N, C-alpha and C. Protein backbone atom coordinates (compact mmCIF):
# COMPACT_ATOMS: atom_id res chain seq x y z
N MET A 1 61.06 26.05 9.63
CA MET A 1 59.67 26.26 9.86
C MET A 1 58.81 25.83 8.68
N ASP A 2 59.28 26.21 7.48
CA ASP A 2 58.51 25.84 6.30
C ASP A 2 58.45 24.32 6.14
N ALA A 3 59.53 23.65 6.53
CA ALA A 3 59.56 22.20 6.44
C ALA A 3 58.56 21.59 7.41
N ASN A 4 58.47 22.18 8.63
CA ASN A 4 57.52 21.70 9.62
C ASN A 4 56.08 21.90 9.16
N ALA A 5 55.79 23.07 8.56
CA ALA A 5 54.44 23.34 8.04
C ALA A 5 54.11 22.39 6.90
N GLY A 6 55.10 22.09 6.08
CA GLY A 6 54.90 21.16 4.98
C GLY A 6 54.58 19.76 5.48
N LEU A 7 55.29 19.36 6.55
CA LEU A 7 55.02 18.05 7.14
C LEU A 7 53.62 17.98 7.75
N GLN A 8 53.21 19.06 8.41
CA GLN A 8 51.87 19.09 9.00
C GLN A 8 50.80 19.02 7.90
N ARG A 9 51.02 19.77 6.82
CA ARG A 9 50.07 19.76 5.71
C ARG A 9 49.99 18.37 5.09
N GLU A 10 51.13 17.74 4.89
CA GLU A 10 51.17 16.40 4.33
C GLU A 10 50.46 15.41 5.26
N GLY A 11 50.67 15.54 6.57
CA GLY A 11 50.00 14.67 7.54
C GLY A 11 48.50 14.85 7.51
N MET A 12 48.03 16.11 7.39
CA MET A 12 46.59 16.37 7.32
C MET A 12 46.00 15.80 6.04
N GLN A 13 46.73 15.91 4.94
CA GLN A 13 46.24 15.37 3.67
C GLN A 13 46.12 13.84 3.75
N GLN A 14 47.12 13.21 4.36
CA GLN A 14 47.08 11.76 4.48
C GLN A 14 45.95 11.31 5.43
N THR A 15 45.75 12.07 6.51
CA THR A 15 44.65 11.76 7.42
C THR A 15 43.31 11.87 6.71
N GLY A 16 43.13 12.93 5.92
CA GLY A 16 41.89 13.11 5.16
C GLY A 16 41.69 11.99 4.15
N ALA A 17 42.78 11.60 3.47
CA ALA A 17 42.68 10.52 2.50
C ALA A 17 42.31 9.21 3.19
N THR A 18 42.88 8.97 4.35
CA THR A 18 42.56 7.76 5.11
C THR A 18 41.09 7.75 5.53
N GLN A 19 40.59 8.90 5.99
CA GLN A 19 39.19 8.99 6.41
C GLN A 19 38.25 8.77 5.22
N ARG A 20 38.58 9.36 4.07
CA ARG A 20 37.75 9.17 2.88
C ARG A 20 37.76 7.71 2.43
N ALA A 21 38.91 7.08 2.48
CA ALA A 21 39.00 5.67 2.10
C ALA A 21 38.19 4.80 3.07
N SER A 22 38.24 5.16 4.36
CA SER A 22 37.47 4.42 5.36
C SER A 22 35.97 4.55 5.10
N LEU A 23 35.53 5.77 4.79
CA LEU A 23 34.10 5.98 4.48
C LEU A 23 33.69 5.19 3.24
N GLY A 24 34.56 5.18 2.23
CA GLY A 24 34.27 4.42 1.02
C GLY A 24 34.18 2.93 1.31
N PHE A 25 35.08 2.45 2.18
CA PHE A 25 35.06 1.04 2.56
C PHE A 25 33.79 0.70 3.32
N GLN A 26 33.36 1.58 4.26
CA GLN A 26 32.13 1.35 5.02
C GLN A 26 30.92 1.34 4.10
N THR A 27 30.89 2.26 3.15
CA THR A 27 29.78 2.30 2.19
C THR A 27 29.74 1.02 1.37
N ALA A 28 30.91 0.53 0.94
CA ALA A 28 30.96 -0.71 0.17
C ALA A 28 30.48 -1.89 1.01
N GLN A 29 30.85 -1.90 2.30
CA GLN A 29 30.41 -2.97 3.18
C GLN A 29 28.89 -2.95 3.36
N GLN A 30 28.32 -1.75 3.53
CA GLN A 30 26.87 -1.64 3.68
C GLN A 30 26.16 -2.09 2.41
N ARG A 31 26.68 -1.71 1.25
CA ARG A 31 26.09 -2.12 -0.02
C ARG A 31 26.15 -3.64 -0.17
N LEU A 32 27.28 -4.22 0.23
CA LEU A 32 27.43 -5.66 0.16
C LEU A 32 26.44 -6.37 1.07
N ALA A 33 26.23 -5.82 2.27
CA ALA A 33 25.26 -6.41 3.21
C ALA A 33 23.85 -6.33 2.63
N MET A 34 23.50 -5.20 2.02
CA MET A 34 22.15 -5.07 1.41
C MET A 34 21.99 -6.04 0.25
N ASP A 35 23.03 -6.18 -0.58
CA ASP A 35 22.96 -7.12 -1.70
C ASP A 35 22.82 -8.55 -1.20
N LYS A 36 23.51 -8.86 -0.10
CA LYS A 36 23.43 -10.20 0.48
C LYS A 36 22.01 -10.48 0.98
N GLU A 37 21.41 -9.49 1.64
CA GLU A 37 20.04 -9.66 2.14
C GLU A 37 19.06 -9.80 1.00
N THR A 38 19.22 -8.99 -0.04
CA THR A 38 18.34 -9.06 -1.22
C THR A 38 18.47 -10.43 -1.89
N GLN A 39 19.69 -10.92 -1.99
CA GLN A 39 19.90 -12.24 -2.60
C GLN A 39 19.25 -13.33 -1.76
N GLY A 40 19.27 -13.16 -0.44
CA GLY A 40 18.62 -14.13 0.44
C GLY A 40 17.12 -14.19 0.19
N PHE A 41 16.49 -13.01 0.02
CA PHE A 41 15.06 -12.98 -0.30
C PHE A 41 14.80 -13.69 -1.63
N ALA A 42 15.64 -13.40 -2.61
CA ALA A 42 15.45 -14.00 -3.93
C ALA A 42 15.62 -15.52 -3.86
N ASN A 43 16.60 -15.97 -3.08
CA ASN A 43 16.82 -17.42 -2.96
C ASN A 43 15.64 -18.10 -2.27
N ARG A 44 15.10 -17.47 -1.22
CA ARG A 44 13.94 -18.06 -0.54
C ARG A 44 12.73 -18.09 -1.47
N ALA A 45 12.51 -17.03 -2.22
CA ALA A 45 11.38 -17.01 -3.16
C ALA A 45 11.55 -18.09 -4.23
N ALA A 46 12.77 -18.27 -4.71
CA ALA A 46 13.02 -19.30 -5.71
C ALA A 46 12.76 -20.69 -5.12
N GLY A 47 13.16 -20.90 -3.87
CA GLY A 47 12.90 -22.18 -3.22
C GLY A 47 11.41 -22.45 -3.05
N GLN A 48 10.67 -21.40 -2.64
CA GLN A 48 9.22 -21.56 -2.48
C GLN A 48 8.57 -21.85 -3.82
N SER A 49 9.01 -21.15 -4.87
CA SER A 49 8.45 -21.39 -6.21
C SER A 49 8.73 -22.83 -6.66
N GLU A 50 9.92 -23.31 -6.38
CA GLU A 50 10.27 -24.68 -6.77
C GLU A 50 9.39 -25.70 -6.04
N GLN A 51 9.16 -25.48 -4.74
CA GLN A 51 8.29 -26.40 -3.99
C GLN A 51 6.87 -26.40 -4.56
N LEU A 52 6.37 -25.20 -4.89
CA LEU A 52 5.01 -25.11 -5.42
C LEU A 52 4.92 -25.76 -6.79
N ARG A 53 5.94 -25.57 -7.65
CA ARG A 53 5.95 -26.21 -8.96
C ARG A 53 6.00 -27.74 -8.82
N ASN A 54 6.80 -28.20 -7.85
CA ASN A 54 6.86 -29.65 -7.62
C ASN A 54 5.50 -30.20 -7.21
N THR A 55 4.76 -29.45 -6.40
CA THR A 55 3.41 -29.87 -6.00
C THR A 55 2.50 -29.92 -7.22
N LEU A 56 2.62 -28.92 -8.11
CA LEU A 56 1.79 -28.92 -9.33
C LEU A 56 2.09 -30.11 -10.23
N LEU A 57 3.36 -30.51 -10.28
CA LEU A 57 3.76 -31.59 -11.17
C LEU A 57 3.66 -32.98 -10.53
N ASP A 58 3.42 -33.02 -9.24
CA ASP A 58 3.33 -34.30 -8.52
C ASP A 58 2.07 -35.06 -8.94
N PRO A 59 2.25 -36.27 -9.48
CA PRO A 59 1.06 -37.04 -9.91
C PRO A 59 0.20 -37.50 -8.74
N ASN A 60 0.75 -37.55 -7.54
CA ASN A 60 -0.01 -38.01 -6.37
C ASN A 60 -0.73 -36.86 -5.66
N ALA A 61 -0.53 -35.62 -6.10
CA ALA A 61 -1.17 -34.47 -5.44
C ALA A 61 -2.66 -34.45 -5.76
N THR A 62 -3.45 -34.09 -4.77
CA THR A 62 -4.90 -33.98 -4.97
C THR A 62 -5.21 -32.71 -5.75
N PRO A 63 -6.38 -32.65 -6.38
CA PRO A 63 -6.76 -31.43 -7.09
C PRO A 63 -6.79 -30.21 -6.16
N GLU A 64 -7.17 -30.42 -4.89
CA GLU A 64 -7.19 -29.31 -3.94
C GLU A 64 -5.78 -28.80 -3.68
N GLN A 65 -4.81 -29.73 -3.53
CA GLN A 65 -3.42 -29.32 -3.30
C GLN A 65 -2.87 -28.58 -4.52
N ARG A 66 -3.21 -29.07 -5.71
CA ARG A 66 -2.74 -28.41 -6.93
C ARG A 66 -3.33 -27.01 -7.06
N SER A 67 -4.61 -26.89 -6.74
CA SER A 67 -5.27 -25.58 -6.83
C SER A 67 -4.64 -24.60 -5.86
N LYS A 68 -4.40 -25.06 -4.64
CA LYS A 68 -3.78 -24.20 -3.63
C LYS A 68 -2.36 -23.82 -4.05
N ALA A 69 -1.61 -24.77 -4.58
CA ALA A 69 -0.25 -24.50 -5.04
C ALA A 69 -0.26 -23.50 -6.20
N GLN A 70 -1.23 -23.64 -7.11
CA GLN A 70 -1.34 -22.72 -8.24
C GLN A 70 -1.62 -21.30 -7.76
N GLN A 71 -2.56 -21.16 -6.81
CA GLN A 71 -2.88 -19.84 -6.27
C GLN A 71 -1.68 -19.23 -5.56
N SER A 72 -0.98 -20.04 -4.77
CA SER A 72 0.19 -19.54 -4.04
C SER A 72 1.31 -19.14 -5.00
N LEU A 73 1.50 -19.92 -6.04
CA LEU A 73 2.54 -19.60 -7.03
C LEU A 73 2.22 -18.30 -7.75
N MET A 74 0.96 -18.12 -8.11
CA MET A 74 0.56 -16.88 -8.79
C MET A 74 0.72 -15.69 -7.86
N ALA A 75 0.37 -15.86 -6.58
CA ALA A 75 0.53 -14.78 -5.62
C ALA A 75 2.00 -14.46 -5.42
N LEU A 76 2.85 -15.47 -5.36
CA LEU A 76 4.29 -15.27 -5.19
C LEU A 76 4.88 -14.52 -6.39
N GLN A 77 4.33 -14.77 -7.57
CA GLN A 77 4.80 -14.10 -8.77
C GLN A 77 4.10 -12.77 -9.03
N GLY A 78 3.15 -12.41 -8.16
CA GLY A 78 2.44 -11.15 -8.34
C GLY A 78 1.37 -11.20 -9.41
N LYS A 79 0.85 -12.38 -9.70
CA LYS A 79 -0.16 -12.54 -10.75
C LYS A 79 -1.46 -13.09 -10.17
N GLU A 80 -1.93 -12.47 -9.11
CA GLU A 80 -3.15 -12.94 -8.48
C GLU A 80 -4.33 -12.82 -9.44
N ARG A 81 -5.27 -13.74 -9.33
CA ARG A 81 -6.44 -13.75 -10.22
C ARG A 81 -7.52 -12.76 -9.81
N GLY A 82 -7.63 -12.52 -8.52
CA GLY A 82 -8.71 -11.68 -8.02
C GLY A 82 -8.63 -10.27 -8.57
N PRO A 83 -9.77 -9.61 -8.66
CA PRO A 83 -9.76 -8.24 -9.17
C PRO A 83 -9.06 -7.31 -8.19
N ARG A 84 -8.29 -6.42 -8.74
CA ARG A 84 -7.63 -5.39 -7.93
C ARG A 84 -8.16 -4.06 -8.42
N TRP A 85 -9.05 -3.48 -7.66
CA TRP A 85 -9.73 -2.26 -8.07
C TRP A 85 -8.93 -1.04 -7.66
N LYS A 86 -8.73 -0.16 -8.61
CA LYS A 86 -8.04 1.11 -8.37
C LYS A 86 -9.09 2.20 -8.51
N THR A 87 -9.10 3.14 -7.58
CA THR A 87 -10.08 4.22 -7.65
C THR A 87 -9.42 5.48 -8.18
N SER A 88 -10.20 6.25 -8.89
CA SER A 88 -9.76 7.57 -9.35
C SER A 88 -10.98 8.47 -9.44
N VAL A 89 -10.73 9.75 -9.43
CA VAL A 89 -11.81 10.73 -9.49
C VAL A 89 -11.65 11.54 -10.78
N VAL A 90 -12.74 11.64 -11.51
CA VAL A 90 -12.75 12.45 -12.72
C VAL A 90 -13.44 13.76 -12.35
N PRO A 91 -12.70 14.86 -12.39
CA PRO A 91 -13.31 16.13 -11.96
C PRO A 91 -14.37 16.60 -12.96
N GLY A 92 -15.31 17.36 -12.44
CA GLY A 92 -16.34 17.94 -13.31
C GLY A 92 -15.74 19.05 -14.17
N GLY A 93 -16.54 19.57 -15.02
CA GLY A 93 -16.08 20.63 -15.91
C GLY A 93 -17.25 21.42 -16.45
N VAL A 94 -17.02 22.05 -17.58
CA VAL A 94 -18.05 22.86 -18.22
C VAL A 94 -18.13 22.41 -19.68
N ASP A 95 -19.37 22.18 -20.18
CA ASP A 95 -19.51 21.77 -21.56
C ASP A 95 -19.45 22.99 -22.48
N ALA A 96 -19.64 22.78 -23.79
CA ALA A 96 -19.52 23.85 -24.77
C ALA A 96 -20.57 24.94 -24.58
N LEU A 97 -21.69 24.61 -23.97
CA LEU A 97 -22.76 25.60 -23.75
C LEU A 97 -22.61 26.32 -22.41
N GLY A 98 -21.59 25.99 -21.65
CA GLY A 98 -21.39 26.64 -20.36
C GLY A 98 -22.09 25.96 -19.20
N ASN A 99 -22.68 24.80 -19.44
CA ASN A 99 -23.35 24.06 -18.37
C ASN A 99 -22.30 23.33 -17.53
N LYS A 100 -22.49 23.39 -16.23
CA LYS A 100 -21.56 22.73 -15.34
C LYS A 100 -21.82 21.22 -15.35
N LEU A 101 -20.75 20.43 -15.53
CA LEU A 101 -20.85 18.97 -15.53
C LEU A 101 -20.30 18.44 -14.21
N PRO A 102 -21.02 17.51 -13.58
CA PRO A 102 -20.52 16.98 -12.30
C PRO A 102 -19.36 16.01 -12.52
N GLY A 103 -18.51 15.90 -11.52
CA GLY A 103 -17.45 14.90 -11.56
C GLY A 103 -18.01 13.56 -11.14
N TYR A 104 -17.20 12.53 -11.25
CA TYR A 104 -17.63 11.20 -10.86
C TYR A 104 -16.42 10.36 -10.48
N GLY A 105 -16.69 9.26 -9.81
CA GLY A 105 -15.64 8.33 -9.43
C GLY A 105 -15.52 7.23 -10.47
N LEU A 106 -14.35 6.65 -10.55
CA LEU A 106 -14.11 5.59 -11.51
C LEU A 106 -13.37 4.46 -10.81
N LEU A 107 -13.91 3.26 -10.91
CA LEU A 107 -13.24 2.06 -10.39
C LEU A 107 -12.70 1.29 -11.58
N THR A 108 -11.43 0.92 -11.54
CA THR A 108 -10.82 0.19 -12.64
C THR A 108 -10.16 -1.07 -12.09
N ASP A 109 -10.52 -2.22 -12.66
CA ASP A 109 -9.89 -3.48 -12.29
C ASP A 109 -8.56 -3.55 -13.03
N GLU A 110 -7.46 -3.52 -12.27
CA GLU A 110 -6.14 -3.49 -12.89
C GLU A 110 -5.83 -4.79 -13.63
N ALA A 111 -6.43 -5.89 -13.21
CA ALA A 111 -6.15 -7.17 -13.85
C ALA A 111 -6.82 -7.28 -15.21
N SER A 112 -8.11 -6.91 -15.30
CA SER A 112 -8.85 -7.09 -16.55
C SER A 112 -9.06 -5.81 -17.33
N GLY A 113 -8.89 -4.65 -16.68
CA GLY A 113 -9.12 -3.38 -17.36
C GLY A 113 -10.58 -2.93 -17.31
N GLU A 114 -11.45 -3.72 -16.68
CA GLU A 114 -12.86 -3.36 -16.56
C GLU A 114 -13.01 -2.09 -15.73
N SER A 115 -13.93 -1.22 -16.14
CA SER A 115 -14.16 0.03 -15.41
C SER A 115 -15.62 0.15 -15.01
N LYS A 116 -15.85 0.79 -13.86
CA LYS A 116 -17.20 1.08 -13.39
C LYS A 116 -17.25 2.54 -12.99
N ILE A 117 -18.29 3.23 -13.45
CA ILE A 117 -18.47 4.64 -13.10
C ILE A 117 -19.35 4.74 -11.88
N ILE A 118 -18.95 5.57 -10.93
CA ILE A 118 -19.74 5.82 -9.73
C ILE A 118 -20.18 7.27 -9.77
N GLN A 119 -21.46 7.47 -9.95
CA GLN A 119 -22.01 8.82 -10.01
C GLN A 119 -22.01 9.43 -8.61
N PRO A 120 -21.99 10.77 -8.51
CA PRO A 120 -22.03 11.41 -7.20
C PRO A 120 -23.26 10.97 -6.42
N GLY A 121 -23.08 10.59 -5.17
CA GLY A 121 -24.18 10.18 -4.31
C GLY A 121 -24.57 8.73 -4.46
N GLN A 122 -24.02 8.03 -5.44
CA GLN A 122 -24.42 6.64 -5.69
C GLN A 122 -24.05 5.75 -4.51
N VAL A 123 -22.82 5.82 -4.04
CA VAL A 123 -22.40 4.97 -2.93
C VAL A 123 -23.09 5.39 -1.65
N ALA A 124 -23.20 6.69 -1.43
CA ALA A 124 -23.85 7.19 -0.22
C ALA A 124 -25.32 6.76 -0.18
N ALA A 125 -25.96 6.74 -1.31
CA ALA A 125 -27.37 6.36 -1.36
C ALA A 125 -27.54 4.89 -0.99
N GLN A 126 -26.57 4.06 -1.33
CA GLN A 126 -26.67 2.65 -1.00
C GLN A 126 -26.47 2.40 0.48
N GLN A 127 -25.71 3.27 1.15
CA GLN A 127 -25.37 3.04 2.54
C GLN A 127 -26.31 3.75 3.51
N THR A 128 -27.17 4.60 3.02
CA THR A 128 -28.05 5.32 3.94
C THR A 128 -29.11 4.38 4.48
N GLN A 129 -29.57 4.68 5.67
CA GLN A 129 -30.64 3.90 6.29
C GLN A 129 -31.50 4.85 7.09
N ASP A 130 -32.67 4.40 7.45
CA ASP A 130 -33.57 5.24 8.23
C ASP A 130 -32.95 5.51 9.59
N PRO A 131 -33.09 6.74 10.09
CA PRO A 131 -32.57 7.03 11.42
C PRO A 131 -33.37 6.28 12.48
N PRO A 132 -32.74 5.98 13.61
CA PRO A 132 -33.48 5.25 14.66
C PRO A 132 -34.57 6.13 15.26
N THR A 133 -35.58 5.47 15.80
CA THR A 133 -36.66 6.21 16.45
C THR A 133 -36.18 6.66 17.83
N LYS A 134 -36.84 7.70 18.39
CA LYS A 134 -36.47 8.20 19.71
C LYS A 134 -36.60 7.12 20.77
N ALA A 135 -37.60 6.26 20.61
CA ALA A 135 -37.82 5.21 21.60
C ALA A 135 -36.68 4.19 21.60
N SER A 136 -36.01 4.01 20.45
CA SER A 136 -34.95 3.01 20.39
C SER A 136 -33.60 3.55 20.84
N LEU A 137 -33.47 4.88 21.01
CA LEU A 137 -32.20 5.47 21.45
C LEU A 137 -31.99 5.23 22.93
N VAL A 138 -30.75 4.93 23.31
CA VAL A 138 -30.41 4.65 24.71
C VAL A 138 -29.76 5.89 25.31
N GLN A 139 -30.32 6.34 26.42
CA GLN A 139 -29.82 7.54 27.08
C GLN A 139 -28.38 7.31 27.55
N GLY A 140 -27.48 8.28 27.22
CA GLY A 140 -26.08 8.21 27.62
C GLY A 140 -25.19 7.53 26.60
N GLN A 141 -25.77 6.88 25.60
CA GLN A 141 -24.97 6.20 24.60
C GLN A 141 -24.50 7.18 23.53
N VAL A 142 -23.30 6.96 22.99
CA VAL A 142 -22.74 7.82 21.94
C VAL A 142 -23.12 7.23 20.58
N TYR A 143 -23.63 8.09 19.72
CA TYR A 143 -24.02 7.70 18.37
C TYR A 143 -23.23 8.51 17.35
N GLN A 144 -23.08 7.96 16.15
CA GLN A 144 -22.44 8.69 15.06
C GLN A 144 -23.55 9.39 14.28
N THR A 145 -23.54 10.72 14.30
CA THR A 145 -24.58 11.49 13.61
C THR A 145 -23.97 12.19 12.40
N GLY A 146 -24.79 12.88 11.66
CA GLY A 146 -24.31 13.63 10.51
C GLY A 146 -23.34 14.74 10.89
N ARG A 147 -23.39 15.17 12.13
CA ARG A 147 -22.49 16.23 12.61
C ARG A 147 -21.33 15.67 13.43
N GLY A 148 -21.16 14.37 13.43
CA GLY A 148 -20.09 13.74 14.19
C GLY A 148 -20.64 12.97 15.37
N ALA A 149 -19.76 12.55 16.27
CA ALA A 149 -20.17 11.78 17.44
C ALA A 149 -20.98 12.65 18.39
N ALA A 150 -22.08 12.09 18.93
CA ALA A 150 -22.93 12.82 19.87
C ALA A 150 -23.55 11.83 20.85
N ARG A 151 -23.79 12.31 22.06
CA ARG A 151 -24.39 11.48 23.12
C ARG A 151 -25.88 11.84 23.23
N TRP A 152 -26.73 10.83 23.33
CA TRP A 152 -28.16 11.02 23.48
C TRP A 152 -28.47 11.25 24.96
N ASN A 153 -29.07 12.40 25.30
CA ASN A 153 -29.35 12.72 26.70
C ASN A 153 -30.78 12.39 27.11
N GLY A 154 -31.52 11.76 26.22
CA GLY A 154 -32.91 11.41 26.51
C GLY A 154 -33.88 12.26 25.73
N THR A 155 -33.47 13.49 25.39
CA THR A 155 -34.34 14.37 24.60
C THR A 155 -33.65 14.90 23.35
N ALA A 156 -32.32 15.00 23.36
CA ALA A 156 -31.60 15.54 22.22
C ALA A 156 -30.16 15.01 22.24
N PHE A 157 -29.46 15.20 21.11
CA PHE A 157 -28.06 14.82 21.02
C PHE A 157 -27.19 15.97 21.50
N GLU A 158 -26.13 15.62 22.25
CA GLU A 158 -25.14 16.59 22.69
C GLU A 158 -23.80 16.20 22.08
N PRO A 159 -23.11 17.15 21.45
CA PRO A 159 -21.81 16.81 20.86
C PRO A 159 -20.84 16.27 21.92
N VAL A 160 -20.05 15.32 21.53
CA VAL A 160 -19.08 14.72 22.46
C VAL A 160 -17.76 15.45 22.35
């Protein structure tokens, strides 16, 4: 009996080892497939870069073709010239005298480091416009109001 139990235990251990080895093999295969796909992307990018460099160095290329190739090459390398603005909010606080200080928005161009401060209400003030007159409102039409979407019934707005 003890010999039979020993054989069963040995069989279970070997089965477990086989399953673990199989999982390890599957994981290695998946990793290899991902590496192969990544290498394919890198090879295509290198080929595109080479074509663009050849266009830049081609003496017969027009200035327009060279300019386009230069822009495409910079974009492919992640070095676009255009400004890339990142927004952040600087919270308000309290000064040394206990006066409350308002917060403000900050726009930063990641390419050049240039910053612009946006005071509270500055953007909203630029986008505001005079409300339409009652005569210009169309009965039954939905408008975007300060309280959300509302339908004009001819005399007043009704929430939608």
